[in-house]
Amino acid sequence: MDAGPGDRAGRVTVTFAGCGDAFGHGGRFQACIHLGSAGEGQVLLDCGATSLTALRRCGIEPRGIAAVCISHLHGDHFGGLPFLILDGQFSGRTKPLAIIGPAGTRVRLHTAMECMFPGSADAARNFDVVVTELRPGVPELADGVTVTATEVAHPSGAPALALRLDIGGKIIAYTGDTAWTESLVRVAMGADLLIAEAYHRDKAVPHHLRLTDIDAHRAELNCREIVLTHMSADVLGHPDLARYQAAHDGLVLQI
């Protein structure tokens, strides 16, 4: 889409290291989107359980990631955090790692680490893991990147969030997983890029966006560009998908 802000200084590189659903349809890795900008830290949007493999396949060094922004606390969106933290521990990381997510992130991360690697949550490390829990509408700053959350409709045992990141003078918006809600219009407003879930074409699957939802509300999503992600087998390869730019693992965009 061509509506939205004018050009801003700087460029942001968006790498879809993983753009799949929870179940590996199309052989895709789980949600893991890398944002990089000159002069600011590297940021991940979500960190599914397969993220370390996905990042390394794209030639991205996990130790360089300054912050991870989590949309919601399902395993295909945050389950890679224990691996990312332990990789830093065993590879000599010293730079702090910021984890930014919904209310409940701190407890859920501790629980996940103890479940997967008992004793790991409180192990001594040479770097700090700083967890910030987002309050909808209240911006948080991490390594030069401003993150603003909006609550959406996707039950996950904690609030699910759509995210807006101001990075390198660009606005990257991300729906995470959610049913259609009017708050997405505000999330997308003026964004340079909207990364939007399109889990099914038209099947009434609760708590997820569909291609038909994007079609129905496309005129309201006032952003410069839309890329679809988190697609099931119902969407992948279907002719309807040709109407949009769709992510694939390894896709790199310059925004």
Protein backbone atom coordinates (compact mmCIF):
# COMPACT_ATOMS: atom_id res chain seq x y z
CA MET A 1 0.00 0.00 0.00
CA ASP A 2 1.23 3.50 -0.79
CA ALA A 3 -0.50 5.48 1.93
CA GLY A 4 1.33 6.55 5.02
CA PRO A 5 4.36 8.57 6.02
CA GLY A 6 6.93 10.08 3.76
CA ASP A 7 10.44 8.77 3.52
CA ARG A 8 12.46 8.87 6.74
CA ALA A 9 16.22 8.91 7.11
CA GLY A 10 17.95 5.57 7.40
CA ARG A 11 17.15 2.05 6.34
CA VAL A 12 15.92 -0.91 8.33
CA THR A 13 16.69 -4.45 7.20
CA VAL A 14 13.86 -6.89 7.95
CA THR A 15 14.81 -10.57 7.76
CA PHE A 16 12.12 -13.22 8.09
CA ALA A 17 14.27 -15.91 9.66
CA GLY A 18 11.09 -17.78 10.53
CA CYS A 19 7.60 -17.02 9.27
CA GLY A 20 5.71 -20.28 9.81
CA ASP A 21 2.89 -21.37 12.06
CA ALA A 22 3.24 -23.55 15.14
CA PHE A 23 3.17 -26.79 13.16
CA GLY A 24 5.87 -26.34 10.52
CA HIS A 25 3.57 -26.16 7.50
CA GLY A 26 5.57 -25.64 4.34
CA GLY A 27 8.72 -26.68 6.21
CA ARG A 28 8.92 -23.20 7.72
CA PHE A 29 10.50 -22.15 10.98
CA GLN A 30 8.38 -20.60 13.72
CA ALA A 31 7.98 -16.85 14.20
CA CYS A 32 11.34 -15.06 14.28
CA ILE A 33 11.71 -11.73 12.47
CA HIS A 34 15.04 -9.89 12.71
CA LEU A 35 15.21 -6.09 12.47
CA GLY A 36 18.54 -4.35 11.97
CA SER A 37 19.36 -0.65 11.66
CA ALA A 38 22.67 1.19 11.53
CA GLY A 39 23.49 2.80 14.85
CA GLU A 40 20.85 0.88 16.82
CA GLY A 41 20.63 -2.59 18.29
CA GLN A 42 19.45 -5.68 16.50
CA VAL A 43 15.92 -6.67 17.51
CA LEU A 44 13.83 -9.81 17.16
CA LEU A 45 10.08 -9.78 16.74
CA ASP A 46 9.12 -13.03 18.48
CA CYS A 47 11.41 -15.96 19.14
CA GLY A 48 9.74 -19.29 18.41
CA ALA A 49 11.29 -22.56 19.49
CA THR A 50 13.16 -23.00 16.17
CA SER A 51 14.71 -19.52 16.20
CA LEU A 52 18.40 -20.34 16.77
CA THR A 53 18.44 -22.64 13.76
CA ALA A 54 16.51 -20.11 11.68
CA LEU A 55 18.84 -17.23 12.59
CA ARG A 56 21.97 -19.21 11.85
CA ARG A 57 20.59 -20.34 8.51
CA CYS A 58 20.25 -16.63 7.66
CA GLY A 59 23.80 -15.91 8.81
CA ILE A 60 22.66 -13.91 11.85
CA GLU A 61 24.77 -14.26 14.99
CA PRO A 62 22.45 -14.64 18.03
CA ARG A 63 24.93 -12.85 20.33
CA GLY A 64 24.36 -9.66 18.33
CA ILE A 65 20.69 -9.45 19.26
CA ALA A 66 20.10 -6.66 21.76
CA ALA A 67 16.37 -7.07 22.37
CA VAL A 68 13.56 -9.54 21.77
CA CYS A 69 10.00 -8.24 21.52
CA ILE A 70 7.41 -10.94 22.24
CA SER A 71 3.84 -10.61 20.98
CA HIS A 72 2.36 -13.35 23.16
CA LEU A 73 3.32 -16.33 25.28
CA HIS A 74 2.67 -19.29 22.99
CA GLY A 75 5.63 -21.59 22.39
CA ASP A 76 5.90 -20.83 18.69
CA HIS A 77 6.41 -17.16 19.58
CA PHE A 78 8.49 -17.21 22.77
CA GLY A 79 9.73 -20.81 23.12
CA GLY A 80 13.17 -20.01 21.69
CA LEU A 81 14.10 -17.68 24.53
CA PRO A 82 15.64 -20.37 26.78
CA PHE A 83 17.87 -21.48 23.89
CA LEU A 84 18.85 -17.88 23.06
CA ILE A 85 19.77 -17.16 26.69
CA LEU A 86 21.74 -20.39 27.13
CA ASP A 87 23.51 -19.88 23.81
CA GLY A 88 24.67 -16.51 25.09
CA GLN A 89 25.79 -18.08 28.36
CA PHE A 90 27.89 -20.76 26.66
CA SER A 91 29.28 -18.55 23.88
CA GLY A 92 30.68 -15.80 26.09
CA ARG A 93 28.06 -13.12 25.64
CA THR A 94 28.60 -10.03 27.81
CA LYS A 95 26.10 -7.53 26.39
CA PRO A 96 22.74 -7.35 28.22
CA LEU A 97 19.76 -8.98 26.56
CA ALA A 98 16.43 -7.15 26.79
CA ILE A 99 13.25 -9.24 26.74
CA ILE A 100 10.14 -7.14 26.14
CA GLY A 101 6.77 -8.85 26.28
CA PRO A 102 3.29 -8.93 27.78
CA ALA A 103 2.42 -9.09 31.45
CA GLY A 104 3.44 -12.53 32.73
CA THR A 105 6.59 -12.81 30.59
CA ARG A 106 8.98 -12.89 33.55
CA VAL A 107 7.24 -15.80 35.31
CA ARG A 108 6.55 -17.75 32.11
CA LEU A 109 10.18 -17.46 30.95
CA HIS A 110 11.47 -18.66 34.32
CA THR A 111 9.05 -21.60 34.22
CA ALA A 112 9.99 -22.51 30.65
CA MET A 113 13.70 -22.48 31.42
CA GLU A 114 13.26 -24.66 34.50
CA CYS A 115 11.03 -27.08 32.58
CA MET A 116 13.45 -27.43 29.68
CA PHE A 117 16.81 -27.10 31.46
CA PRO A 118 16.41 -27.47 35.25
CA GLY A 119 18.63 -25.07 37.15
CA SER A 120 19.15 -22.78 34.15
CA ALA A 121 16.81 -19.95 35.10
CA ASP A 122 18.92 -18.72 38.00
CA ALA A 123 22.35 -19.77 36.74
CA ALA A 124 25.20 -17.24 36.91
CA ARG A 125 25.91 -15.50 33.58
CA ASN A 126 28.27 -12.81 32.33
CA PHE A 127 25.36 -10.79 30.97
CA ASP A 128 22.08 -9.50 32.33
CA VAL A 129 18.70 -10.63 31.05
CA VAL A 130 16.42 -7.64 31.57
CA VAL A 131 12.71 -8.43 31.29
CA THR A 132 10.26 -5.57 30.70
CA GLU A 133 6.53 -6.27 30.72
CA LEU A 134 4.60 -4.00 28.38
CA ARG A 135 1.54 -2.03 29.34
CA PRO A 136 -0.72 -1.32 26.36
CA GLY A 137 -0.26 2.20 25.08
CA VAL A 138 2.86 2.91 27.18
CA PRO A 139 6.05 3.11 25.03
CA GLU A 140 9.18 1.32 26.25
CA LEU A 141 12.72 2.05 25.05
CA ALA A 142 15.24 -0.75 24.51
CA ASP A 143 18.64 -0.18 22.89
CA GLY A 144 17.40 2.81 20.89
CA VAL A 145 14.17 1.12 19.77
CA THR A 146 10.78 2.32 21.02
CA VAL A 147 8.15 -0.41 21.45
CA THR A 148 4.43 0.31 21.91
CA ALA A 149 1.89 -2.44 22.54
CA THR A 150 -1.83 -2.76 21.84
CA GLU A 151 -3.82 -5.63 23.34
CA VAL A 152 -5.45 -7.92 20.77
CA ALA A 153 -7.66 -11.03 20.75
CA HIS A 154 -5.66 -14.24 21.12
CA PRO A 155 -5.91 -16.19 24.41
CA SER A 156 -2.48 -17.37 25.54
CA GLY A 157 -2.66 -17.33 29.32
CA ALA A 158 -1.45 -13.72 29.28
CA PRO A 159 -2.35 -10.63 27.25
CA ALA A 160 -1.61 -10.97 23.53
CA LEU A 161 -0.16 -7.87 21.92
CA ALA A 162 0.20 -6.22 18.55
CA LEU A 163 3.42 -4.21 18.46
CA ARG A 164 4.67 -0.97 16.89
CA LEU A 165 8.43 -0.47 16.79
CA ASP A 166 10.11 2.82 16.01
CA ILE A 167 13.54 1.72 14.78
CA GLY A 168 15.98 3.68 12.66
CA GLY A 169 13.32 6.31 11.98
CA LYS A 170 10.94 3.70 10.54
CA ILE A 171 7.73 2.30 11.99
CA ILE A 172 7.36 -1.49 11.84
CA ALA A 173 3.93 -2.78 12.94
CA TYR A 174 3.20 -6.40 13.79
CA THR A 175 -0.17 -7.99 14.46
CA GLY A 176 1.17 -11.08 16.22
CA ASP A 177 -1.61 -13.67 16.36
CA THR A 178 -5.11 -12.28 16.75
CA ALA A 179 -8.66 -12.33 15.53
CA TRP A 180 -9.63 -9.19 13.66
CA THR A 181 -10.05 -6.27 16.04
CA GLU A 182 -10.50 -2.59 15.21
CA SER A 183 -7.40 -1.78 17.25
CA LEU A 184 -5.32 -3.13 14.35
CA VAL A 185 -6.29 -0.03 12.37
CA ARG A 186 -4.47 2.07 14.96
CA VAL A 187 -1.51 -0.31 15.03
CA ALA A 188 -1.07 -0.05 11.25
CA MET A 189 -1.68 3.69 10.95
CA GLY A 190 1.22 5.37 9.17
CA ALA A 191 3.52 2.35 9.46
CA ASP A 192 6.26 1.83 6.89
CA LEU A 193 5.61 -1.92 7.12
CA LEU A 194 2.77 -3.96 8.60
CA ILE A 195 3.59 -7.62 9.21
CA ALA A 196 0.21 -9.32 9.40
CA GLU A 197 -0.86 -12.84 10.27
CA ALA A 198 -2.87 -14.71 7.59
CA TYR A 199 -3.40 -18.11 9.16
CA HIS A 200 -6.27 -19.34 6.97
CA ARG A 201 -8.02 -18.17 3.82
CA ASP A 202 -11.64 -18.02 4.99
CA LYS A 203 -12.15 -20.81 7.51
CA ALA A 204 -13.64 -19.55 10.79
CA VAL A 205 -10.68 -20.40 13.02
CA PRO A 206 -11.01 -18.64 16.39
CA HIS A 207 -8.42 -16.08 17.50
CA HIS A 208 -6.56 -15.81 14.17
CA LEU A 209 -6.52 -13.47 11.18
CA ARG A 210 -7.51 -14.81 7.76
CA LEU A 211 -6.92 -13.65 4.20
CA THR A 212 -10.58 -12.68 4.05
CA ASP A 213 -10.08 -10.40 7.07
CA ILE A 214 -7.15 -8.68 5.36
CA ASP A 215 -9.25 -8.30 2.20
CA ALA A 216 -12.22 -6.89 4.09
CA HIS A 217 -10.18 -4.31 6.01
CA ARG A 218 -7.34 -3.57 3.64
CA ALA A 219 -8.51 -0.02 2.92
CA GLU A 220 -8.46 0.72 6.66
CA LEU A 221 -4.89 -0.49 7.10
CA ASN A 222 -3.25 2.81 6.24
CA CYS A 223 0.37 1.73 5.90
CA ARG A 224 2.97 1.78 3.17
CA GLU A 225 3.44 -1.96 2.79
CA ILE A 226 1.88 -5.22 4.07
CA VAL A 227 3.67 -8.56 4.29
CA LEU A 228 1.75 -11.67 5.33
CA THR A 229 3.16 -14.25 7.73
CA HIS A 230 2.16 -17.21 9.99
CA MET A 231 0.37 -19.01 7.16
CA SER A 232 -1.03 -22.53 7.40
CA ALA A 233 -1.17 -25.12 4.64
CA ASP A 234 -4.62 -23.75 3.78
CA VAL A 235 -2.98 -20.53 2.54
CA LEU A 236 0.46 -21.59 1.28
CA GLY A 237 0.48 -22.03 -2.47
CA HIS A 238 -3.16 -20.98 -2.91
CA PRO A 239 -3.81 -18.55 -5.82
CA ASP A 240 -5.52 -16.08 -3.44
CA LEU A 241 -2.14 -15.45 -1.82
CA ALA A 242 -0.84 -13.82 -5.02
CA ARG A 243 -2.77 -10.65 -4.17
CA TYR A 244 -0.28 -9.92 -1.38
CA GLN A 245 3.40 -9.96 -0.63
CA ALA A 246 3.93 -13.09 1.44
CA ALA A 247 6.88 -13.86 3.66
CA HIS A 248 9.07 -16.92 3.28
CA ASP A 249 11.95 -18.07 5.46
CA GLY A 250 14.99 -16.04 4.44
CA LEU A 251 13.06 -13.13 2.90
CA VAL A 252 15.01 -9.87 3.36
CA LEU A 253 13.39 -6.46 2.92
CA GLN A 254 14.94 -3.00 3.01
CA ILE A 255 12.47 -0.53 4.52
